[in-house]
Amino acid sequence: MSETTLKQRIHAGEMPVGTMVFELFVPGVDVLWLGHFDLTNFMGIPGQFEHPDFVAAVKIVVAAAQRHGKVAAVMASCDDWAKRFHDFGYRMFAYSLDILLYQRAPTSGIQNLRALR
């Protein structure tokens, strides 16, 4: 491997936050990727991203990553989501879903063209 290789742990499925944090000790892992839908499902609060238990878990993950010199990552479906998680301390993002990007681009372009009237 070259020095520019980035190693990530991507978490999906039933994995407690404690196990995710423990994986920060795996040699060579640079990024801890939070699967927010999977985490809420595992916690029994599917899709409840404002739930206090979810918010607490999100903060535990990022604090542990920072403490160990790692990067916390998450998928941001919109600008507000990205800002919220950036404020929590997350520094790596996948942005939006491909289908949403494909929908937004033509919509925005058409709106811009219509505004030329």
PDB file of N, CA and C in Angstrom:
ATOM      1  N   MET A   1       0.830  -1.187   0.000  1.00  0.00           N
ATOM      2  CA  MET A   1       0.000   0.000   0.000  1.00  0.00           C
ATOM      3  C   MET A   1       0.874   1.249   0.000  1.00  0.00           C
ATOM      4  N   SER A   2       0.390   2.265  -0.679  1.00  0.00           N
ATOM      5  CA  SER A   2       1.127   3.521  -0.683  1.00  0.00           C
ATOM      6  C   SER A   2       0.758   4.336   0.547  1.00  0.00           C
ATOM      7  N   GLU A   3       1.515   5.391   0.792  1.00  0.00           N
ATOM      8  CA  GLU A   3       1.233   6.250   1.941  1.00  0.00           C
ATOM      9  C   GLU A   3      -0.048   7.053   1.773  1.00  0.00           C
ATOM     10  N   THR A   4      -0.584   7.115   0.559  1.00  0.00           N
ATOM     11  CA  THR A   4      -1.789   7.894   0.323  1.00  0.00           C
ATOM     12  C   THR A   4      -3.068   7.063   0.439  1.00  0.00           C
ATOM     13  N   THR A   5      -2.928   5.802   0.776  1.00  0.00           N
ATOM     14  CA  THR A   5      -4.108   4.951   0.931  1.00  0.00           C
ATOM     15  C   THR A   5      -4.865   5.341   2.193  1.00  0.00           C
ATOM     16  N   LEU A   6      -6.160   5.467   2.060  1.00  0.00           N
ATOM     17  CA  LEU A   6      -7.022   5.813   3.182  1.00  0.00           C
ATOM     18  C   LEU A   6      -7.800   4.571   3.582  1.00  0.00           C
ATOM     19  N   LYS A   7      -7.702   4.185   4.839  1.00  0.00           N
ATOM     20  CA  LYS A   7      -8.444   3.027   5.321  1.00  0.00           C
ATOM     21  C   LYS A   7      -9.633   3.499   6.129  1.00  0.00           C
ATOM     22  N   GLN A   8     -10.799   2.933   5.802  1.00  0.00           N
ATOM     23  CA  GLN A   8     -12.026   3.295   6.492  1.00  0.00           C
ATOM     24  C   GLN A   8     -12.677   2.046   7.058  1.00  0.00           C
ATOM     25  N   ARG A   9     -13.423   2.246   8.113  1.00  0.00           N
ATOM     26  CA  ARG A   9     -14.299   1.212   8.636  1.00  0.00           C
ATOM     27  C   ARG A   9     -15.701   1.727   8.386  1.00  0.00           C
ATOM     28  N   ILE A  10     -16.448   1.008   7.582  1.00  0.00           N
ATOM     29  CA  ILE A  10     -17.814   1.416   7.278  1.00  0.00           C
ATOM     30  C   ILE A  10     -18.735   0.511   8.076  1.00  0.00           C
ATOM     31  N   HIS A  11     -19.592   1.119   8.861  1.00  0.00           N
ATOM     32  CA  HIS A  11     -20.448   0.353   9.747  1.00  0.00           C
ATOM     33  C   HIS A  11     -21.867   0.302   9.229  1.00  0.00           C
ATOM     34  N   ALA A  12     -22.321  -0.903   9.040  1.00  0.00           N
ATOM     35  CA  ALA A  12     -23.703  -1.134   8.639  1.00  0.00           C
ATOM     36  C   ALA A  12     -24.192  -2.339   9.426  1.00  0.00           C
ATOM     37  N   GLY A  13     -25.476  -2.370   9.652  1.00  0.00           N
ATOM     38  CA  GLY A  13     -26.029  -3.496  10.374  1.00  0.00           C
ATOM     39  C   GLY A  13     -25.969  -3.286  11.869  1.00  0.00           C
ATOM     40  N   GLU A  14     -26.074  -4.357  12.591  1.00  0.00           N
ATOM     41  CA  GLU A  14     -26.199  -4.286  14.039  1.00  0.00           C
ATOM     42  C   GLU A  14     -24.832  -4.238  14.712  1.00  0.00           C
ATOM     43  N   MET A  15     -24.363  -3.032  14.975  1.00  0.00           N
ATOM     44  CA  MET A  15     -23.089  -2.865  15.658  1.00  0.00           C
ATOM     45  C   MET A  15     -23.232  -1.794  16.716  1.00  0.00           C
ATOM     46  N   PRO A  16     -23.045  -2.152  17.981  1.00  0.00           N
ATOM     47  CA  PRO A  16     -23.158  -1.144  19.039  1.00  0.00           C
ATOM     48  C   PRO A  16     -22.075  -0.074  18.910  1.00  0.00           C
ATOM     49  N   VAL A  17     -22.384   1.106  19.420  1.00  0.00           N
ATOM     50  CA  VAL A  17     -21.436   2.222  19.364  1.00  0.00           C
ATOM     51  C   VAL A  17     -20.115   1.833  20.013  1.00  0.00           C
ATOM     52  N   GLY A  18     -20.161   1.099  21.110  1.00  0.00           N
ATOM     53  CA  GLY A  18     -18.926   0.681  21.784  1.00  0.00           C
ATOM     54  C   GLY A  18     -18.015  -0.123  20.879  1.00  0.00           C
ATOM     55  N   THR A  19     -18.576  -0.976  20.049  1.00  0.00           N
ATOM     56  CA  THR A  19     -17.774  -1.760  19.103  1.00  0.00           C
ATOM     57  C   THR A  19     -17.173  -0.852  18.050  1.00  0.00           C
ATOM     58  N   MET A  20     -17.950   0.124  17.575  1.00  0.00           N
ATOM     59  CA  MET A  20     -17.421   1.067  16.594  1.00  0.00           C
ATOM     60  C   MET A  20     -16.234   1.822  17.166  1.00  0.00           C
ATOM     61  N   VAL A  21     -16.370   2.291  18.392  1.00  0.00           N
ATOM     62  CA  VAL A  21     -15.301   3.049  19.034  1.00  0.00           C
ATOM     63  C   VAL A  21     -14.079   2.173  19.240  1.00  0.00           C
ATOM     64  N   PHE A  22     -14.287   0.919  19.629  1.00  0.00           N
ATOM     65  CA  PHE A  22     -13.174  -0.007  19.830  1.00  0.00           C
ATOM     66  C   PHE A  22     -12.363  -0.162  18.544  1.00  0.00           C
ATOM     67  N   GLU A  23     -13.023  -0.116  17.398  1.00  0.00           N
ATOM     68  CA  GLU A  23     -12.326  -0.304  16.129  1.00  0.00           C
ATOM     69  C   GLU A  23     -11.372   0.844  15.800  1.00  0.00           C
ATOM     70  N   LEU A  24     -11.439   1.923  16.543  1.00  0.00           N
ATOM     71  CA  LEU A  24     -10.470   2.997  16.352  1.00  0.00           C
ATOM     72  C   LEU A  24      -9.060   2.535  16.694  1.00  0.00           C
ATOM     73  N   PHE A  25      -8.967   1.447  17.435  1.00  0.00           N
ATOM     74  CA  PHE A  25      -7.664   0.929  17.829  1.00  0.00           C
ATOM     75  C   PHE A  25      -7.071  -0.021  16.794  1.00  0.00           C
ATOM     76  N   VAL A  26      -7.813  -0.333  15.739  1.00  0.00           N
ATOM     77  CA  VAL A  26      -7.315  -1.224  14.696  1.00  0.00           C
ATOM     78  C   VAL A  26      -6.219  -0.482  13.930  1.00  0.00           C
ATOM     79  N   PRO A  27      -5.013  -1.052  13.864  1.00  0.00           N
ATOM     80  CA  PRO A  27      -3.909  -0.371  13.176  1.00  0.00           C
ATOM     81  C   PRO A  27      -4.265  -0.056  11.721  1.00  0.00           C
ATOM     82  N   GLY A  28      -3.946   1.152  11.313  1.00  0.00           N
ATOM     83  CA  GLY A  28      -4.131   1.563   9.934  1.00  0.00           C
ATOM     84  C   GLY A  28      -5.500   2.115   9.602  1.00  0.00           C
ATOM     85  N   VAL A  29      -6.455   2.061  10.519  1.00  0.00           N
ATOM     86  CA  VAL A  29      -7.776   2.631  10.248  1.00  0.00           C
ATOM     87  C   VAL A  29      -7.696   4.138  10.455  1.00  0.00           C
ATOM     88  N   ASP A  30      -8.092   4.889   9.442  1.00  0.00           N
ATOM     89  CA  ASP A  30      -8.005   6.353   9.474  1.00  0.00           C
ATOM     90  C   ASP A  30      -9.348   7.023   9.712  1.00  0.00           C
ATOM     91  N   VAL A  31     -10.421   6.356   9.282  1.00  0.00           N
ATOM     92  CA  VAL A  31     -11.747   6.968   9.277  1.00  0.00           C
ATOM     93  C   VAL A  31     -12.758   6.012   9.902  1.00  0.00           C
ATOM     94  N   LEU A  32     -13.615   6.571  10.732  1.00  0.00           N
ATOM     95  CA  LEU A  32     -14.728   5.805  11.275  1.00  0.00           C
ATOM     96  C   LEU A  32     -16.005   6.356  10.649  1.00  0.00           C
ATOM     97  N   TRP A  33     -16.653   5.536   9.840  1.00  0.00           N
ATOM     98  CA  TRP A  33     -17.821   5.952   9.071  1.00  0.00           C
ATOM     99  C   TRP A  33     -19.079   5.568   9.822  1.00  0.00           C
ATOM    100  N   LEU A  34     -19.923   6.550  10.119  1.00  0.00           N
ATOM    101  CA  LEU A  34     -21.162   6.311  10.846  1.00  0.00           C
ATOM    102  C   LEU A  34     -22.303   6.041   9.869  1.00  0.00           C
ATOM    103  N   GLY A  35     -22.939   4.889   9.990  1.00  0.00           N
ATOM    104  CA  GLY A  35     -24.139   4.576   9.221  1.00  0.00           C
ATOM    105  C   GLY A  35     -25.345   4.995  10.045  1.00  0.00           C
ATOM    106  N   HIS A  36     -25.833   6.215   9.820  1.00  0.00           N
ATOM    107  CA  HIS A  36     -26.860   6.776  10.696  1.00  0.00           C
ATOM    108  C   HIS A  36     -28.186   6.031  10.614  1.00  0.00           C
ATOM    109  N   PHE A  37     -28.595   5.585   9.436  1.00  0.00           N
ATOM    110  CA  PHE A  37     -29.832   4.805   9.360  1.00  0.00           C
ATOM    111  C   PHE A  37     -29.674   3.481  10.094  1.00  0.00           C
ATOM    112  N   ASP A  38     -28.563   2.811   9.851  1.00  0.00           N
ATOM    113  CA  ASP A  38     -28.323   1.535  10.520  1.00  0.00           C
ATOM    114  C   ASP A  38     -28.254   1.701  12.030  1.00  0.00           C
ATOM    115  N   LEU A  39     -27.607   2.767  12.472  1.00  0.00           N
ATOM    116  CA  LEU A  39     -27.487   2.992  13.909  1.00  0.00           C
ATOM    117  C   LEU A  39     -28.854   3.212  14.550  1.00  0.00           C
ATOM    118  N   THR A  40     -29.702   4.041  13.931  1.00  0.00           N
ATOM    119  CA  THR A  40     -31.028   4.253  14.525  1.00  0.00           C
ATOM    120  C   THR A  40     -31.855   2.971  14.503  1.00  0.00           C
ATOM    121  N   ASN A  41     -31.706   2.178  13.461  1.00  0.00           N
ATOM    122  CA  ASN A  41     -32.418   0.896  13.427  1.00  0.00           C
ATOM    123  C   ASN A  41     -31.954  -0.004  14.570  1.00  0.00           C
ATOM    124  N   PHE A  42     -30.654  -0.107  14.735  1.00  0.00           N
ATOM    125  CA  PHE A  42     -30.099  -0.950  15.799  1.00  0.00           C
ATOM    126  C   PHE A  42     -30.534  -0.456  17.182  1.00  0.00           C
ATOM    127  N   MET A  43     -30.656   0.851  17.324  1.00  0.00           N
ATOM    128  CA  MET A  43     -31.042   1.428  18.609  1.00  0.00           C
ATOM    129  C   MET A  43     -32.548   1.316  18.870  1.00  0.00           C
ATOM    130  N   GLY A  44     -33.295   0.841  17.881  1.00  0.00           N
ATOM    131  CA  GLY A  44     -34.739   0.713  18.045  1.00  0.00           C
ATOM    132  C   GLY A  44     -35.500   2.010  17.845  1.00  0.00           C
ATOM    133  N   ILE A  45     -34.846   2.969  17.198  1.00  0.00           N
ATOM    134  CA  ILE A  45     -35.475   4.271  16.937  1.00  0.00           C
ATOM    135  C   ILE A  45     -35.290   4.624  15.460  1.00  0.00           C
ATOM    136  N   PRO A  46     -35.742   3.766  14.547  1.00  0.00           N
ATOM    137  CA  PRO A  46     -35.451   3.944  13.120  1.00  0.00           C
ATOM    138  C   PRO A  46     -35.806   5.335  12.596  1.00  0.00           C
ATOM    139  N   GLY A  47     -34.795   5.965  11.990  1.00  0.00           N
ATOM    140  CA  GLY A  47     -34.987   7.260  11.350  1.00  0.00           C
ATOM    141  C   GLY A  47     -35.219   8.434  12.285  1.00  0.00           C
ATOM    142  N   GLN A  48     -35.076   8.225  13.575  1.00  0.00           N
ATOM    143  CA  GLN A  48     -35.300   9.316  14.541  1.00  0.00           C
ATOM    144  C   GLN A  48     -33.973  10.029  14.834  1.00  0.00           C
ATOM    145  N   PHE A  49     -33.575  10.877  13.909  1.00  0.00           N
ATOM    146  CA  PHE A  49     -32.265  11.519  13.984  1.00  0.00           C
ATOM    147  C   PHE A  49     -32.191  12.665  14.978  1.00  0.00           C
ATOM    148  N   GLU A  50     -33.300  13.043  15.574  1.00  0.00           N
ATOM    149  CA  GLU A  50     -33.308  14.061  16.623  1.00  0.00           C
ATOM    150  C   GLU A  50     -33.418  13.428  18.010  1.00  0.00           C
ATOM    151  N   HIS A  51     -33.588  12.120  18.047  1.00  0.00           N
ATOM    152  CA  HIS A  51     -33.747  11.421  19.328  1.00  0.00           C
ATOM    153  C   HIS A  51     -32.498  11.652  20.190  1.00  0.00           C
ATOM    154  N   PRO A  52     -32.669  11.961  21.465  1.00  0.00           N
ATOM    155  CA  PRO A  52     -31.519  12.227  22.345  1.00  0.00           C
ATOM    156  C   PRO A  52     -30.500  11.090  22.404  1.00  0.00           C
ATOM    157  N   ASP A  53     -30.964   9.844  22.330  1.00  0.00           N
ATOM    158  CA  ASP A  53     -30.023   8.712  22.356  1.00  0.00           C
ATOM    159  C   ASP A  53     -29.176   8.666  21.092  1.00  0.00           C
ATOM    160  N   PHE A  54     -29.781   8.983  19.945  1.00  0.00           N
ATOM    161  CA  PHE A  54     -29.018   9.016  18.696  1.00  0.00           C
ATOM    162  C   PHE A  54     -27.994  10.139  18.731  1.00  0.00           C
ATOM    163  N   VAL A  55     -28.428  11.319  19.145  1.00  0.00           N
ATOM    164  CA  VAL A  55     -27.517  12.468  19.210  1.00  0.00           C
ATOM    165  C   VAL A  55     -26.354  12.165  20.154  1.00  0.00           C
ATOM    166  N   ALA A  56     -26.636  11.530  21.282  1.00  0.00           N
ATOM    167  CA  ALA A  56     -25.577  11.160  22.228  1.00  0.00           C
ATOM    168  C   ALA A  56     -24.598  10.186  21.581  1.00  0.00           C
ATOM    169  N   ALA A  57     -25.103   9.201  20.839  1.00  0.00           N
ATOM    170  CA  ALA A  57     -24.232   8.224  20.177  1.00  0.00           C
ATOM    171  C   ALA A  57     -23.359   8.895  19.121  1.00  0.00           C
ATOM    172  N   VAL A  58     -23.940   9.824  18.360  1.00  0.00           N
ATOM    173  CA  VAL A  58     -23.202  10.565  17.341  1.00  0.00           C
ATOM    174  C   VAL A  58     -22.042  11.326  17.988  1.00  0.00           C
ATOM    175  N   LYS A  59     -22.306  11.925  19.117  1.00  0.00           N
ATOM    176  CA  LYS A  59     -21.264  12.682  19.824  1.00  0.00           C
ATOM    177  C   LYS A  59     -20.199  11.768  20.417  1.00  0.00           C
ATOM    178  N   ILE A  60     -20.591  10.589  20.894  1.00  0.00           N
ATOM    179  CA  ILE A  60     -19.619   9.624  21.425  1.00  0.00           C
ATOM    180  C   ILE A  60     -18.657   9.198  20.323  1.00  0.00           C
ATOM    181  N   VAL A  61     -19.204   8.888  19.148  1.00  0.00           N
ATOM    182  CA  VAL A  61     -18.373   8.430  18.032  1.00  0.00           C
ATOM    183  C   VAL A  61     -17.367   9.500  17.627  1.00  0.00           C
ATOM    184  N   VAL A  62     -17.826  10.739  17.446  1.00  0.00           N
ATOM    185  CA  VAL A  62     -16.909  11.781  16.989  1.00  0.00           C
ATOM    186  C   VAL A  62     -15.878  12.123  18.064  1.00  0.00           C
ATOM    187  N   ALA A  63     -16.279  12.135  19.320  1.00  0.00           N
ATOM    188  CA  ALA A  63     -15.330  12.432  20.404  1.00  0.00           C
ATOM    189  C   ALA A  63     -14.241  11.360  20.470  1.00  0.00           C
ATOM    190  N   ALA A  64     -14.638  10.110  20.331  1.00  0.00           N
ATOM    191  CA  ALA A  64     -13.656   9.022  20.367  1.00  0.00           C
ATOM    192  C   ALA A  64     -12.722   9.104  19.163  1.00  0.00           C
ATOM    193  N   ALA A  65     -13.276   9.389  17.990  1.00  0.00           N
ATOM    194  CA  ALA A  65     -12.434   9.521  16.797  1.00  0.00           C
ATOM    195  C   ALA A  65     -11.414  10.634  16.983  1.00  0.00           C
ATOM    196  N   GLN A  66     -11.858  11.776  17.454  1.00  0.00           N
ATOM    197  CA  GLN A  66     -10.949  12.907  17.663  1.00  0.00           C
ATOM    198  C   GLN A  66      -9.885  12.580  18.699  1.00  0.00           C
ATOM    199  N   ARG A  67     -10.294  11.925  19.763  1.00  0.00           N
ATOM    200  CA  ARG A  67      -9.362  11.581  20.840  1.00  0.00           C
ATOM    201  C   ARG A  67      -8.238  10.677  20.337  1.00  0.00           C
ATOM    202  N   HIS A  68      -8.534   9.873  19.316  1.00  0.00           N
ATOM    203  CA  HIS A  68      -7.542   8.937  18.796  1.00  0.00           C
ATOM    204  C   HIS A  68      -6.923   9.398  17.481  1.00  0.00           C
ATOM    205  N   GLY A  69      -7.152  10.670  17.138  1.00  0.00           N
ATOM    206  CA  GLY A  69      -6.539  11.228  15.934  1.00  0.00           C
ATOM    207  C   GLY A  69      -7.120  10.668  14.644  1.00  0.00           C
ATOM    208  N   LYS A  70      -8.370  10.239  14.686  1.00  0.00           N
ATOM    209  CA  LYS A  70      -9.038   9.682  13.509  1.00  0.00           C
ATOM    210  C   LYS A  70     -10.093  10.665  13.012  1.00  0.00           C
ATOM    211  N   VAL A  71     -10.668  10.368  11.868  1.00  0.00           N
ATOM    212  CA  VAL A  71     -11.689  11.218  11.270  1.00  0.00           C
ATOM    213  C   VAL A  71     -13.037  10.514  11.367  1.00  0.00           C
ATOM    214  N   ALA A  72     -14.055  11.250  11.790  1.00  0.00           N
ATOM    215  CA  ALA A  72     -15.420  10.725  11.806  1.00  0.00           C
ATOM    216  C   ALA A  72     -16.093  11.143  10.502  1.00  0.00           C
ATOM    217  N   ALA A  73     -16.820  10.199   9.880  1.00  0.00           N
ATOM    218  CA  ALA A  73     -17.449  10.447   8.586  1.00  0.00           C
ATOM    219  C   ALA A  73     -18.917  10.039   8.616  1.00  0.00           C
ATOM    220  N   VAL A  74     -19.701  10.692   7.740  1.00  0.00           N
ATOM    221  CA  VAL A  74     -21.134  10.402   7.653  1.00  0.00           C
ATOM    222  C   VAL A  74     -21.623  10.813   6.268  1.00  0.00           C
ATOM    223  N   MET A  75     -22.771  10.267   5.844  1.00  0.00           N
ATOM    224  CA  MET A  75     -23.386  10.685   4.603  1.00  0.00           C
ATOM    225  C   MET A  75     -24.315  11.855   4.885  1.00  0.00           C
ATOM    226  N   ALA A  76     -24.118  12.948   4.181  1.00  0.00           N
ATOM    227  CA  ALA A  76     -24.964  14.134   4.350  1.00  0.00           C
ATOM    228  C   ALA A  76     -25.914  14.217   3.167  1.00  0.00           C
ATOM    229  N   SER A  77     -27.201  14.124   3.454  1.00  0.00           N
ATOM    230  CA  SER A  77     -28.182  14.135   2.371  1.00  0.00           C
ATOM    231  C   SER A  77     -28.516  15.547   1.891  1.00  0.00           C
ATOM    232  N   CYS A  78     -28.122  16.551   2.670  1.00  0.00           N
ATOM    233  CA  CYS A  78     -28.400  17.937   2.281  1.00  0.00           C
ATOM    234  C   CYS A  78     -27.421  18.862   3.011  1.00  0.00           C
ATOM    235  N   ASP A  79     -27.466  20.133   2.666  1.00  0.00           N
ATOM    236  CA  ASP A  79     -26.555  21.103   3.266  1.00  0.00           C
ATOM    237  C   ASP A  79     -26.765  21.232   4.775  1.00  0.00           C
ATOM    238  N   ASP A  80     -28.018  21.228   5.209  1.00  0.00           N
ATOM    239  CA  ASP A  80     -28.304  21.358   6.640  1.00  0.00           C
ATOM    240  C   ASP A  80     -27.737  20.177   7.428  1.00  0.00           C
ATOM    241  N   TRP A  81     -27.884  18.986   6.866  1.00  0.00           N
ATOM    242  CA  TRP A  81     -27.353  17.786   7.516  1.00  0.00           C
ATOM    243  C   TRP A  81     -25.825  17.882   7.621  1.00  0.00           C
ATOM    244  N   ALA A  82     -25.180  18.308   6.542  1.00  0.00           N
ATOM    245  CA  ALA A  82     -23.721  18.443   6.541  1.00  0.00           C
ATOM    246  C   ALA A  82     -23.279  19.449   7.606  1.00  0.00           C
ATOM    247  N   LYS A  83     -23.972  20.589   7.692  1.00  0.00           N
ATOM    248  CA  LYS A  83     -23.614  21.596   8.692  1.00  0.00           C
ATOM    249  C   LYS A  83     -23.800  21.047  10.100  1.00  0.00           C
ATOM    250  N   ARG A  84     -24.915  20.367  10.322  1.00  0.00           N
ATOM    251  CA  ARG A  84     -25.189  19.816  11.650  1.00  0.00           C
ATOM    252  C   ARG A  84     -24.079  18.865  12.084  1.00  0.00           C
ATOM    253  N   PHE A  85     -23.692  17.946  11.194  1.00  0.00           N
ATOM    254  CA  PHE A  85     -22.660  16.982  11.562  1.00  0.00           C
ATOM    255  C   PHE A  85     -21.274  17.624  11.590  1.00  0.00           C
ATOM    256  N   HIS A  86     -21.052  18.637  10.786  1.00  0.00           N
ATOM    257  CA  HIS A  86     -19.792  19.379  10.869  1.00  0.00           C
ATOM    258  C   HIS A  86     -19.698  20.052  12.236  1.00  0.00           C
ATOM    259  N   ASP A  87     -20.812  20.611  12.696  1.00  0.00           N
ATOM    260  CA  ASP A  87     -20.838  21.229  14.023  1.00  0.00           C
ATOM    261  C   ASP A  87     -20.560  20.208  15.130  1.00  0.00           C
ATOM    262  N   PHE A  88     -20.983  18.957  14.916  1.00  0.00           N
ATOM    263  CA  PHE A  88     -20.675  17.893  15.877  1.00  0.00           C
ATOM    264  C   PHE A  88     -19.187  17.539  15.860  1.00  0.00           C
ATOM    265  N   GLY A  89     -18.498  17.820  14.734  1.00  0.00           N
ATOM    266  CA  GLY A  89     -17.078  17.492  14.624  1.00  0.00           C
ATOM    267  C   GLY A  89     -16.740  16.509  13.518  1.00  0.00           C
ATOM    268  N   TYR A  90     -17.728  16.080  12.743  1.00  0.00           N
ATOM    269  CA  TYR A  90     -17.466  15.183  11.617  1.00  0.00           C
ATOM    270  C   TYR A  90     -16.752  15.969  10.529  1.00  0.00           C
ATOM    271  N   ARG A  91     -15.762  15.332   9.881  1.00  0.00           N
ATOM    272  CA  ARG A  91     -14.955  16.055   8.904  1.00  0.00           C
ATOM    273  C   ARG A  91     -14.861  15.374   7.544  1.00  0.00           C
ATOM    274  N   MET A  92     -15.542  14.256   7.370  1.00  0.00           N
ATOM    275  CA  MET A  92     -15.560  13.603   6.061  1.00  0.00           C
ATOM    276  C   MET A  92     -17.011  13.284   5.734  1.00  0.00           C
ATOM    277  N   PHE A  93     -17.406  13.632   4.491  1.00  0.00           N
ATOM    278  CA  PHE A  93     -18.799  13.488   4.107  1.00  0.00           C
ATOM    279  C   PHE A  93     -18.940  12.854   2.727  1.00  0.00           C
ATOM    280  N   ALA A  94     -19.929  11.988   2.614  1.00  0.00           N
ATOM    281  CA  ALA A  94     -20.459  11.634   1.304  1.00  0.00           C
ATOM    282  C   ALA A  94     -21.636  12.576   1.168  1.00  0.00           C
ATOM    283  N   TYR A  95     -21.829  13.156   0.001  1.00  0.00           N
ATOM    284  CA  TYR A  95     -22.871  14.165  -0.124  1.00  0.00           C
ATOM    285  C   TYR A  95     -24.029  13.670  -0.972  1.00  0.00           C
ATOM    286  N   SER A  96     -25.194  13.664  -0.384  1.00  0.00           N
ATOM    287  CA  SER A  96     -26.462  13.386  -1.037  1.00  0.00           C
ATOM    288  C   SER A  96     -26.515  11.959  -1.578  1.00  0.00           C
ATOM    289  N   LEU A  97     -27.577  11.686  -2.279  1.00  0.00           N
ATOM    290  CA  LEU A  97     -27.768  10.413  -2.973  1.00  0.00           C
ATOM    291  C   LEU A  97     -27.732  10.707  -4.461  1.00  0.00           C
ATOM    292  N   ASP A  98     -27.199   9.795  -5.241  1.00  0.00           N
ATOM    293  CA  ASP A  98     -27.057  10.075  -6.667  1.00  0.00           C
ATOM    294  C   ASP A  98     -28.385  10.445  -7.320  1.00  0.00           C
ATOM    295  N   ILE A  99     -29.463   9.777  -6.959  1.00  0.00           N
ATOM    296  CA  ILE A  99     -30.751  10.084  -7.578  1.00  0.00           C
ATOM    297  C   ILE A  99     -31.204  11.510  -7.241  1.00  0.00           C
ATOM    298  N   LEU A 100     -30.913  11.962  -6.012  1.00  0.00           N
ATOM    299  CA  LEU A 100     -31.283  13.336  -5.645  1.00  0.00           C
ATOM    300  C   LEU A 100     -30.467  14.351  -6.430  1.00  0.00           C
ATOM    301  N   LEU A 101     -29.189  14.061  -6.624  1.00  0.00           N
ATOM    302  CA  LEU A 101     -28.349  14.979  -7.408  1.00  0.00           C
ATOM    303  C   LEU A 101     -28.832  15.060  -8.849  1.00  0.00           C
ATOM    304  N   TYR A 102     -29.225  13.908  -9.405  1.00  0.00           N
ATOM    305  CA  TYR A 102     -29.737  13.897 -10.775  1.00  0.00           C
ATOM    306  C   TYR A 102     -31.054  14.656 -10.884  1.00  0.00           C
ATOM    307  N   GLN A 103     -31.882  14.592  -9.862  1.00  0.00           N
ATOM    308  CA  GLN A 103     -33.157  15.313  -9.880  1.00  0.00           C
ATOM    309  C   GLN A 103     -32.947  16.813  -9.726  1.00  0.00           C
ATOM    310  N   ARG A 104     -32.043  17.203  -8.839  1.00  0.00           N
ATOM    311  CA  ARG A 104     -31.845  18.624  -8.541  1.00  0.00           C
ATOM    312  C   ARG A 104     -31.215  19.390  -9.693  1.00  0.00           C
ATOM    313  N   ALA A 105     -30.256  18.763 -10.364  1.00  0.00           N
ATOM    314  CA  ALA A 105     -29.530  19.471 -11.418  1.00  0.00           C
ATOM    315  C   ALA A 105     -30.457  19.956 -12.527  1.00  0.00           C
ATOM    316  N   PRO A 106     -31.278  19.095 -13.117  1.00  0.00           N
ATOM    317  CA  PRO A 106     -32.174  19.604 -14.171  1.00  0.00           C
ATOM    318  C   PRO A 106     -33.194  20.600 -13.632  1.00  0.00           C
ATOM    319  N   THR A 107     -33.706  20.360 -12.442  1.00  0.00           N
ATOM    320  CA  THR A 107     -34.693  21.274 -11.858  1.00  0.00           C
ATOM    321  C   THR A 107     -34.091  22.663 -11.709  1.00  0.00           C
ATOM    322  N   SER A 108     -32.897  22.719 -11.161  1.00  0.00           N
ATOM    323  CA  SER A 108     -32.223  24.003 -10.976  1.00  0.00           C
ATOM    324  C   SER A 108     -31.944  24.660 -12.326  1.00  0.00           C
ATOM    325  N   GLY A 109     -31.475  23.882 -13.268  1.00  0.00           N
ATOM    326  CA  GLY A 109     -31.176  24.424 -14.594  1.00  0.00           C
ATOM    327  C   GLY A 109     -32.418  24.973 -15.280  1.00  0.00           C
ATOM    328  N   ILE A 110     -33.524  24.240 -15.189  1.00  0.00           N
ATOM    329  CA  ILE A 110     -34.780  24.694 -15.801  1.00  0.00           C
ATOM    330  C   ILE A 110     -35.261  25.974 -15.125  1.00  0.00           C
ATOM    331  N   GLN A 111     -35.183  26.022 -13.819  1.00  0.00           N
ATOM    332  CA  GLN A 111     -35.586  27.238 -13.102  1.00  0.00           C
ATOM    333  C   GLN A 111     -34.738  28.435 -13.535  1.00  0.00           C
ATOM    334  N   ASN A 112     -33.451  28.233 -13.685  1.00  0.00           N
ATOM    335  CA  ASN A 112     -32.567  29.308 -14.112  1.00  0.00           C
ATOM    336  C   ASN A 112     -32.926  29.783 -15.521  1.00  0.00           C
ATOM    337  N   LEU A 113     -33.235  28.837 -16.414  1.00  0.00           N
ATOM    338  CA  LEU A 113     -33.617  29.209 -17.776  1.00  0.00           C
ATOM    339  C   LEU A 113     -34.940  29.975 -17.788  1.00  0.00           C
ATOM    340  N   ARG A 114     -35.891  29.533 -16.984  1.00  0.00           N
ATOM    341  CA  ARG A 114     -37.183  30.224 -16.928  1.00  0.00           C
ATOM    342  C   ARG A 114     -37.027  31.646 -16.379  1.00  0.00           C
ATOM    343  N   ALA A 115     -36.077  31.834 -15.504  1.00  0.00           N
ATOM    344  CA  ALA A 115     -35.859  33.164 -14.914  1.00  0.00           C
ATOM    345  C   ALA A 115     -35.285  34.154 -15.933  1.00  0.00           C
ATOM    346  N   LEU A 116     -34.833  33.657 -17.085  1.00  0.00           N
ATOM    347  CA  LEU A 116     -34.271  34.529 -18.124  1.00  0.00           C
ATOM    348  C   LEU A 116     -35.343  35.311 -18.867  1.00  0.00           C
ATOM    349  N   ARG A 117     -36.606  34.985 -18.678  1.00  0.00           N
ATOM    350  CA  ARG A 117     -37.701  35.671 -19.395  1.00  0.00           C
ATOM    351  C   ARG A 117     -37.699  37.146 -19.152  1.00  0.00           C
TER     352      ARG A 117
END
